[in-house]
Amino acid sequence: MAPIAVSTETYTSTPAEQSRTLKLRGPSPPERVSSPGRNTLPGPLAYTGLLDKYPHFESTPAIGREFTGDLQLSALLNAPNADALLRDLAVLVSRRGVCFFRGQDLSPEDMMVLARRLGELSGRPKASNMCIHPVSEYTPELVDQPKPQVISASRQNKGGGIRRVHDDVSRWASVAWHSDVSFEKVPADYSMLKINQLPETGGDTIWVDCYGILEKMSPSFLEYLETLKCTHDANFFHAEAEKMGLKVRDDIERGNPLNKGTDLSASHPVIRTNPVTGWKALFVNRGFSKRIDGVTKDESDMIMNYINQIGMHNFDHQVRFRWEKGSIALWDNRSTWHSATFDYDEERCGDRASGLGEVPFYDPNSELKSHGLKREGVKF
C-alpha cells in the first residue's frame, strides 16, 4: 500500500480575511442620542459593597441575589446615608439583574419614592419621571403624582394582558417574555413588584440574564447584531383598553416628553449598553419586539427566532422566584426579560412601581459582562 502524502504547508490568512465577519443587511451602528432621553452618567458606576454586610446569597451564578434576614428596603430609604445605600442598590441590581427581598413593609407610596431615587442616583435623564402605563386609569390631575400600577390577574385577563388571551396568538407561555414598556421611546429602567395576594402555589416569576446570553453567540454574529435596530410594538393595547372601557393615554406625557401619542412603537438597538454597568445586553423580547429594521422579513424572522430561542432555552441564564406575601423583586429592565408563570386560576395581585430611564443606545466601547467581571477581578 502506497504511503499517504501529508502536506506540511501552512496557510496564513490575510488581514482582510482575519477581520471578515458576517455581513448581511443592516444600518450603521446606532448612535447615542442627545435628547430629553439621554442618560447623564459620564461613565459606569462602581459598586462599593455597602449592601454586602446584609445576609444574602446569589440566586444563581448568572443572575439574581436574594437578601435574607431582616433587611427592610424602607430602612435603606430612610437611612442617614440613604443616597449612598440606594446608589449601591441601583448598581447591584444592574449587575445582578434582579434582587429579591421577603417580608417587606414598604408602602406603595414609598415604592414610588424608591424607584424614583434609584433612577435619579444612577443618571436618569432629568426629563424622565415615573412610568405611566398607556392602559391606565390615571386622571389628568394626577399626572404629576403617578401611583403604583396594580398588577392583577383578573384585570389582565379581562383586557388580555401581555399574553393577549383574547387574540389569535401563540398560547405558548413564552409569548409573555418582556421588558417593561420597551415599546416606548423611553422605556423603563428599574421596576419593583410587591405581591400582596397570591395563590397557594403557582404564579412564580422568571427572569432572563440578557448580558450573559450574549456569551452564547459567536463574536462575528454578535458584531453583526450590534449594527441592528428592532421595532418594538404594543399597539395591541388599543384593543385591550377598549375591552376594559378605557383608552390609551395619548393626552399626557407618559413619564417623559418623548412618550406621548397613540402610536405605541419605537425602534431600539438590538444590543443595548447599560449605562450603569457599561456592559452590553440583548434588548429584544418576544412580548413587544416585532421586526428587525433594515432587513427582509425572512431575515428578520430568522434573527428574531434565533434571539428568542437563545433567551428561552439557556436556562443557565435564568432565575425563578417563588413569591410569598410581602415579597419584593427589584430588577433592571435594560438587561433582563421577565415573565410570570400563568399556572394558576386564583387571584394574584400586587403593586408595581417603575421608573423611566434613557433612550436605549449602543456604545461601541461597552463590554461583555464576563470581560467586565474579569477586568474587575470579581466573580459577581
Protein backbone atom coordinates (compact mmCIF):
# COMPACT_ATOMS: atom_id res chain seq x y z
CA MET A 1 0.00 0.00 0.00
CA ALA A 2 1.46 3.34 -1.03
CA PRO A 3 2.12 5.78 1.80
CA ILE A 4 -0.25 8.70 2.23
CA ALA A 5 1.33 12.03 1.42
CA VAL A 6 0.84 14.60 4.15
CA SER A 7 1.35 18.25 3.30
CA THR A 8 3.46 20.24 5.73
CA GLU A 9 2.46 23.57 4.25
CA THR A 10 0.59 26.02 6.49
CA TYR A 11 -1.88 28.63 5.39
CA THR A 12 -1.76 32.12 6.86
CA SER A 13 -4.86 34.23 6.37
CA THR A 14 -4.58 37.78 5.20
CA PRO A 15 -5.52 40.71 7.49
CA ALA A 16 -8.65 41.25 5.39
CA GLU A 17 -9.69 37.63 5.88
CA GLN A 18 -8.93 37.76 9.60
CA SER A 19 -11.24 40.72 10.06
CA ARG A 20 -14.03 39.30 7.91
CA THR A 21 -17.31 38.93 9.79
CA LEU A 22 -20.86 38.08 8.86
CA LYS A 23 -22.27 40.84 6.68
CA LEU A 24 -25.94 40.72 5.83
CA ARG A 25 -28.15 43.75 5.52
CA GLY A 26 -28.39 46.37 8.17
CA PRO A 27 -27.84 50.04 9.01
CA SER A 28 -24.79 51.60 10.62
CA PRO A 29 -24.38 51.12 14.38
CA PRO A 30 -26.94 53.20 16.29
CA GLU A 31 -25.53 56.27 17.94
CA ARG A 32 -26.21 57.62 21.38
CA VAL A 33 -28.80 60.35 21.05
CA SER A 34 -28.85 63.80 22.60
CA SER A 35 -32.39 64.48 23.74
CA PRO A 36 -34.66 64.55 26.80
CA GLY A 37 -33.93 60.83 26.96
CA ARG A 38 -30.15 60.87 27.36
CA ASN A 39 -28.62 59.31 30.49
CA THR A 40 -26.45 61.79 32.40
CA LEU A 41 -23.74 59.45 33.71
CA PRO A 42 -20.21 60.27 32.48
CA GLY A 43 -19.35 56.59 32.81
CA PRO A 44 -20.31 53.34 34.59
CA LEU A 45 -20.82 53.37 38.35
CA ALA A 46 -18.73 51.24 40.70
CA TYR A 47 -20.34 49.02 43.33
CA THR A 48 -18.81 49.91 46.70
CA GLY A 49 -20.17 46.90 48.62
CA LEU A 50 -22.32 48.72 51.17
CA LEU A 51 -25.02 46.06 50.90
CA ASP A 52 -22.71 43.06 51.25
CA LYS A 53 -22.93 43.25 55.05
CA TYR A 54 -26.57 42.18 54.92
CA PRO A 55 -27.16 38.40 54.83
CA HIS A 56 -27.72 37.28 51.25
CA PHE A 57 -26.99 34.62 48.67
CA GLU A 58 -26.60 34.65 44.92
CA SER A 59 -29.72 33.02 43.45
CA THR A 60 -27.76 31.58 40.51
CA PRO A 61 -24.23 32.20 39.23
CA ALA A 62 -25.59 34.28 36.34
CA ILE A 63 -28.48 36.29 37.74
CA GLY A 64 -30.24 37.20 40.97
CA ARG A 65 -29.39 37.97 44.58
CA GLU A 66 -31.74 37.31 47.48
CA PHE A 67 -31.39 39.14 50.77
CA THR A 68 -32.28 37.15 53.86
CA GLY A 69 -32.73 38.18 57.47
CA ASP A 70 -34.45 41.40 58.42
CA LEU A 71 -33.25 43.85 55.77
CA GLN A 72 -36.06 46.28 55.03
CA LEU A 73 -35.98 48.49 51.94
CA SER A 74 -37.80 51.12 53.98
CA ALA A 75 -34.78 51.25 56.31
CA LEU A 76 -32.45 51.93 53.37
CA LEU A 77 -34.77 54.63 52.11
CA ASN A 78 -34.77 56.42 55.48
CA ALA A 79 -31.13 55.83 56.48
CA PRO A 80 -28.83 58.81 57.19
CA ASN A 81 -26.65 57.69 54.27
CA ALA A 82 -29.63 56.81 52.07
CA ASP A 83 -28.12 58.23 48.87
CA ALA A 84 -25.01 56.08 49.15
CA LEU A 85 -27.01 52.96 50.02
CA LEU A 86 -29.55 53.46 47.25
CA ARG A 87 -26.88 54.23 44.66
CA ASP A 88 -25.17 50.96 45.57
CA LEU A 89 -28.54 49.19 45.40
CA ALA A 90 -29.09 50.53 41.89
CA VAL A 91 -25.64 49.37 40.80
CA LEU A 92 -26.13 45.95 42.41
CA VAL A 93 -29.48 45.44 40.69
CA SER A 94 -27.99 46.47 37.36
CA ARG A 95 -25.13 44.00 37.86
CA ARG A 96 -27.18 41.04 39.13
CA GLY A 97 -30.27 41.77 37.01
CA VAL A 98 -32.75 41.28 39.85
CA CYS A 99 -32.70 41.31 43.65
CA PHE A 100 -35.26 39.72 45.99
CA PHE A 101 -36.47 40.82 49.41
CA ARG A 102 -39.01 39.00 51.57
CA GLY A 103 -41.38 40.21 54.29
CA GLN A 104 -41.18 43.87 53.27
CA ASP A 105 -43.12 46.68 54.95
CA LEU A 106 -42.59 49.17 52.11
CA SER A 107 -45.80 51.05 51.31
CA PRO A 108 -46.96 51.64 47.71
CA GLU A 109 -46.12 55.32 48.08
CA ASP A 110 -42.60 54.53 49.30
CA MET A 111 -42.17 52.10 46.41
CA MET A 112 -42.65 55.04 44.07
CA VAL A 113 -40.13 57.11 46.04
CA LEU A 114 -37.61 54.28 46.00
CA ALA A 115 -37.97 53.61 42.26
CA ARG A 116 -37.58 57.33 41.55
CA ARG A 117 -34.48 57.65 43.75
CA LEU A 118 -32.80 54.63 42.17
CA GLY A 119 -33.12 56.22 38.76
CA GLU A 120 -32.05 59.68 39.88
CA LEU A 121 -28.95 58.33 41.61
CA SER A 122 -27.92 56.33 38.55
CA GLY A 123 -28.08 59.02 35.87
CA ARG A 124 -31.72 59.00 34.85
CA PRO A 125 -32.45 61.88 32.42
CA LYS A 126 -33.90 64.87 34.19
CA ALA A 127 -36.90 64.72 31.85
CA SER A 128 -37.72 61.15 32.91
CA ASN A 129 -40.18 60.51 35.71
CA MET A 130 -42.21 57.50 36.77
CA CYS A 131 -43.73 55.20 34.19
CA ILE A 132 -47.39 55.72 33.34
CA HIS A 133 -48.68 52.68 31.51
CA PRO A 134 -50.66 53.59 28.37
CA VAL A 135 -53.58 51.50 29.60
CA SER A 136 -54.22 53.09 32.96
CA GLU A 137 -56.97 54.78 34.88
CA TYR A 138 -54.91 57.82 35.80
CA THR A 139 -56.74 61.12 35.57
CA PRO A 140 -55.04 64.27 34.26
CA GLU A 141 -54.89 65.92 37.66
CA LEU A 142 -52.82 63.00 38.95
CA VAL A 143 -50.21 63.04 36.19
CA ASP A 144 -47.65 64.83 38.35
CA GLN A 145 -48.25 62.33 41.14
CA PRO A 146 -48.46 58.92 39.45
CA LYS A 147 -49.44 55.97 41.59
CA PRO A 148 -48.13 52.40 41.54
CA GLN A 149 -49.73 50.23 38.91
CA VAL A 150 -51.91 47.46 40.31
CA ILE A 151 -50.87 44.13 38.81
CA SER A 152 -54.00 41.98 38.94
CA ALA A 153 -54.59 38.65 37.24
CA SER A 154 -58.33 39.23 36.98
CA ARG A 155 -57.82 42.70 35.46
CA GLN A 156 -55.26 41.44 32.95
CA ASN A 157 -57.47 38.55 31.92
CA LYS A 158 -60.32 40.98 31.24
CA GLY A 159 -58.19 43.06 28.90
CA GLY A 160 -55.88 40.36 27.57
CA GLY A 161 -52.59 41.46 29.12
CA ILE A 162 -49.18 40.63 27.80
CA ARG A 163 -50.43 37.16 26.86
CA ARG A 164 -53.20 38.68 24.67
CA VAL A 165 -55.53 35.89 25.75
CA HIS A 166 -58.38 37.22 23.56
CA ASP A 167 -56.29 37.39 20.37
CA ASP A 168 -55.30 34.76 17.84
CA VAL A 169 -51.70 34.47 19.00
CA SER A 170 -49.45 31.72 20.33
CA ARG A 171 -50.62 30.04 23.51
CA TRP A 172 -47.07 29.14 24.50
CA ALA A 173 -46.17 30.54 27.89
CA SER A 174 -43.01 32.03 26.40
CA VAL A 175 -45.07 34.60 24.49
CA ALA A 176 -45.13 36.70 27.67
CA TRP A 177 -41.37 37.32 27.97
CA HIS A 178 -40.87 41.07 28.01
CA SER A 179 -39.01 44.10 29.29
CA ASP A 180 -41.34 46.71 30.79
CA VAL A 181 -42.72 49.21 28.22
CA SER A 182 -39.91 48.53 25.74
CA PHE A 183 -42.32 49.84 23.08
CA GLU A 184 -41.97 53.39 24.44
CA LYS A 185 -39.35 55.79 23.06
CA VAL A 186 -38.02 55.95 26.62
CA PRO A 187 -38.55 52.54 28.28
CA ALA A 188 -38.35 51.58 31.94
CA ASP A 189 -35.14 51.35 33.92
CA TYR A 190 -35.87 49.93 37.39
CA SER A 191 -39.11 48.16 38.27
CA MET A 192 -40.23 46.64 41.50
CA LEU A 193 -43.18 44.43 42.30
CA LYS A 194 -44.64 43.64 45.70
CA ILE A 195 -47.09 40.76 45.79
CA ASN A 196 -49.97 41.22 48.24
CA GLN A 197 -52.20 38.30 47.27
CA LEU A 198 -51.20 35.07 45.60
CA PRO A 199 -52.43 31.52 45.04
CA GLU A 200 -51.31 28.67 47.27
CA THR A 201 -48.90 27.64 44.54
CA GLY A 202 -48.11 28.97 41.08
CA GLY A 203 -47.56 32.45 39.74
CA ASP A 204 -43.78 32.43 40.08
CA THR A 205 -41.81 34.95 38.04
CA ILE A 206 -38.79 34.11 35.88
CA TRP A 207 -36.05 36.48 34.73
CA VAL A 208 -33.51 36.06 31.93
CA ASP A 209 -29.98 37.46 32.10
CA CYS A 210 -29.68 39.43 28.85
CA TYR A 211 -26.00 40.14 29.48
CA GLY A 212 -24.97 36.52 29.74
CA ILE A 213 -26.90 35.10 26.81
CA LEU A 214 -24.68 37.17 24.52
CA GLU A 215 -21.88 34.80 25.50
CA LYS A 216 -23.78 32.03 23.69
CA MET A 217 -23.31 33.82 20.35
CA SER A 218 -20.31 33.76 18.06
CA PRO A 219 -18.31 37.01 18.14
CA SER A 220 -18.99 37.62 14.43
CA PHE A 221 -22.77 37.24 14.81
CA LEU A 222 -22.78 39.44 17.91
CA GLU A 223 -20.80 42.05 15.97
CA TYR A 224 -23.49 42.00 13.28
CA LEU A 225 -26.32 42.33 15.81
CA GLU A 226 -24.59 45.40 17.20
CA THR A 227 -25.33 47.18 13.90
CA LEU A 228 -29.08 46.49 14.03
CA LYS A 229 -32.19 48.08 15.46
CA CYS A 230 -35.52 46.47 16.20
CA THR A 231 -39.06 47.85 16.24
CA HIS A 232 -40.98 47.22 19.47
CA ASP A 233 -44.75 47.49 19.08
CA ALA A 234 -47.61 47.35 21.58
CA ASN A 235 -50.43 48.87 19.59
CA PHE A 236 -52.50 45.85 20.61
CA PHE A 237 -53.04 47.80 23.84
CA HIS A 238 -55.64 49.89 21.99
CA ALA A 239 -57.87 46.81 21.75
CA GLU A 240 -57.10 45.88 25.36
CA ALA A 241 -58.08 49.33 26.58
CA GLU A 242 -61.36 49.13 24.68
CA LYS A 243 -62.18 45.79 26.33
CA MET A 244 -61.69 47.45 29.71
CA GLY A 245 -63.72 50.56 28.88
CA LEU A 246 -60.58 52.72 28.76
CA LYS A 247 -58.47 54.39 26.10
CA VAL A 248 -54.73 54.58 25.55
CA ARG A 249 -53.38 57.60 27.40
CA ASP A 250 -52.37 59.77 24.46
CA ASP A 251 -53.34 63.05 26.12
CA ILE A 252 -50.40 63.16 28.52
CA GLU A 253 -46.66 62.59 28.65
CA ARG A 254 -46.26 59.03 29.91
CA GLY A 255 -43.32 59.86 32.15
CA ASN A 256 -41.12 61.54 29.51
CA PRO A 257 -41.83 64.14 26.79
CA LEU A 258 -40.89 61.56 24.16
CA ASN A 259 -43.57 59.12 25.39
CA LYS A 260 -46.72 60.71 24.04
CA GLY A 261 -49.29 59.95 21.37
CA THR A 262 -51.30 57.00 20.14
CA ASP A 263 -48.51 55.10 18.37
CA LEU A 264 -47.11 52.63 20.87
CA SER A 265 -43.99 51.69 18.95
CA ALA A 266 -40.31 52.56 18.94
CA SER A 267 -37.09 51.42 17.27
CA HIS A 268 -34.23 50.48 19.61
CA PRO A 269 -30.76 48.95 19.25
CA VAL A 270 -30.77 45.15 19.26
CA ILE A 271 -27.73 45.28 21.53
CA ARG A 272 -28.03 47.93 24.20
CA THR A 273 -25.45 49.37 26.60
CA ASN A 274 -26.48 49.59 30.23
CA PRO A 275 -25.02 52.95 31.32
CA VAL A 276 -24.81 51.89 34.98
CA THR A 277 -22.51 48.92 34.33
CA GLY A 278 -21.08 49.69 30.89
CA TRP A 279 -22.00 46.14 29.83
CA LYS A 280 -23.79 45.26 26.62
CA ALA A 281 -27.10 43.38 26.74
CA LEU A 282 -29.64 41.96 24.33
CA PHE A 283 -32.63 44.31 24.04
CA VAL A 284 -35.14 42.29 22.04
CA ASN A 285 -38.02 40.43 23.71
CA ARG A 286 -40.82 38.21 22.46
CA GLY A 287 -43.64 40.19 24.03
CA PHE A 288 -43.09 43.54 22.31
CA SER A 289 -40.29 43.20 19.72
CA LYS A 290 -41.79 42.71 16.26
CA ARG A 291 -39.36 43.40 13.44
CA ILE A 292 -35.63 43.78 12.84
CA ASP A 293 -35.20 47.04 10.94
CA GLY A 294 -33.44 47.30 7.60
CA VAL A 295 -33.58 43.62 6.60
CA THR A 296 -36.08 41.49 4.70
CA LYS A 297 -38.93 39.83 6.56
CA ASP A 298 -37.31 36.43 6.10
CA GLU A 299 -34.06 37.70 7.56
CA SER A 300 -35.94 39.37 10.40
CA ASP A 301 -37.86 36.18 11.18
CA MET A 302 -34.62 34.20 11.21
CA ILE A 303 -32.87 36.63 13.55
CA MET A 304 -35.88 37.07 15.83
CA ASN A 305 -36.39 33.31 16.09
CA TYR A 306 -32.73 32.79 16.99
CA ILE A 307 -32.80 35.56 19.60
CA ASN A 308 -35.96 34.19 21.20
CA GLN A 309 -34.55 30.68 21.22
CA ILE A 310 -31.27 31.72 22.79
CA GLY A 311 -33.09 33.52 25.60
CA MET A 312 -35.70 30.85 26.28
CA HIS A 313 -33.54 27.72 26.06
CA ASN A 314 -30.46 28.75 28.03
CA PHE A 315 -31.85 28.11 31.49
CA ASP A 316 -28.37 28.57 32.98
CA HIS A 317 -29.07 32.28 32.49
CA GLN A 318 -32.49 32.29 34.15
CA VAL A 319 -33.74 32.59 37.71
CA ARG A 320 -37.18 31.64 39.04
CA PHE A 321 -38.61 33.27 42.16
CA ARG A 322 -41.39 31.79 44.26
CA TRP A 323 -43.33 34.62 45.84
CA GLU A 324 -44.51 34.97 49.39
CA LYS A 325 -46.93 37.63 50.58
CA GLY A 326 -44.91 40.80 51.14
CA SER A 327 -42.03 39.78 48.86
CA ILE A 328 -40.48 42.41 46.61
CA ALA A 329 -38.50 41.83 43.44
CA LEU A 330 -36.44 44.72 42.08
CA TRP A 331 -34.99 44.44 38.57
CA ASP A 332 -33.31 46.35 35.76
CA ASN A 333 -35.35 46.23 32.53
CA ARG A 334 -32.37 47.29 30.43
CA SER A 335 -30.66 43.94 30.82
CA THR A 336 -33.33 41.37 31.70
CA TRP A 337 -36.52 39.79 30.43
CA HIS A 338 -39.18 38.61 32.83
CA SER A 339 -42.50 36.81 32.79
CA ALA A 340 -44.95 35.46 35.31
CA THR A 341 -45.82 31.79 35.05
CA PHE A 342 -49.54 31.69 34.33
CA ASP A 343 -50.24 28.35 36.03
CA TYR A 344 -52.97 29.41 38.45
CA ASP A 345 -56.66 30.28 38.46
CA GLU A 346 -56.90 32.24 41.70
CA GLU A 347 -56.30 35.95 42.05
CA ARG A 348 -52.71 37.13 42.09
CA CYS A 349 -52.18 40.84 42.63
CA GLY A 350 -49.67 43.34 43.84
CA ASP A 351 -48.23 46.82 43.36
CA ARG A 352 -45.64 47.71 40.75
CA ALA A 353 -43.53 50.86 40.61
CA SER A 354 -41.45 51.54 37.51
CA GLY A 355 -39.28 54.47 36.56
CA LEU A 356 -38.30 55.56 33.08
CA GLY A 357 -34.66 55.58 32.08
CA GLU A 358 -32.97 56.80 28.93
CA VAL A 359 -33.45 56.32 25.22
CA PRO A 360 -31.69 52.98 24.59
CA PHE A 361 -28.27 53.35 22.96
CA TYR A 362 -25.33 51.20 21.97
CA ASP A 363 -21.82 52.31 22.92
CA PRO A 364 -19.11 50.55 20.85
CA ASN A 365 -16.83 50.78 23.89
CA SER A 366 -19.16 48.74 26.08
CA GLU A 367 -18.07 45.23 27.00
CA LEU A 368 -19.45 41.79 27.74
CA LYS A 369 -20.29 41.14 31.37
CA SER A 370 -17.71 38.36 31.63
CA HIS A 371 -15.00 40.72 30.41
CA GLY A 372 -16.07 43.38 32.88
CA LEU A 373 -16.04 40.98 35.82
CA LYS A 374 -12.64 39.60 34.80
CA ARG A 375 -11.21 43.09 34.50
CA GLU A 376 -12.52 43.92 38.00
CA GLY A 377 -11.24 40.62 39.39
CA VAL A 378 -14.60 39.63 40.89
CA LYS A 379 -16.98 36.73 40.40
CA PHE A 380 -20.31 38.61 40.57
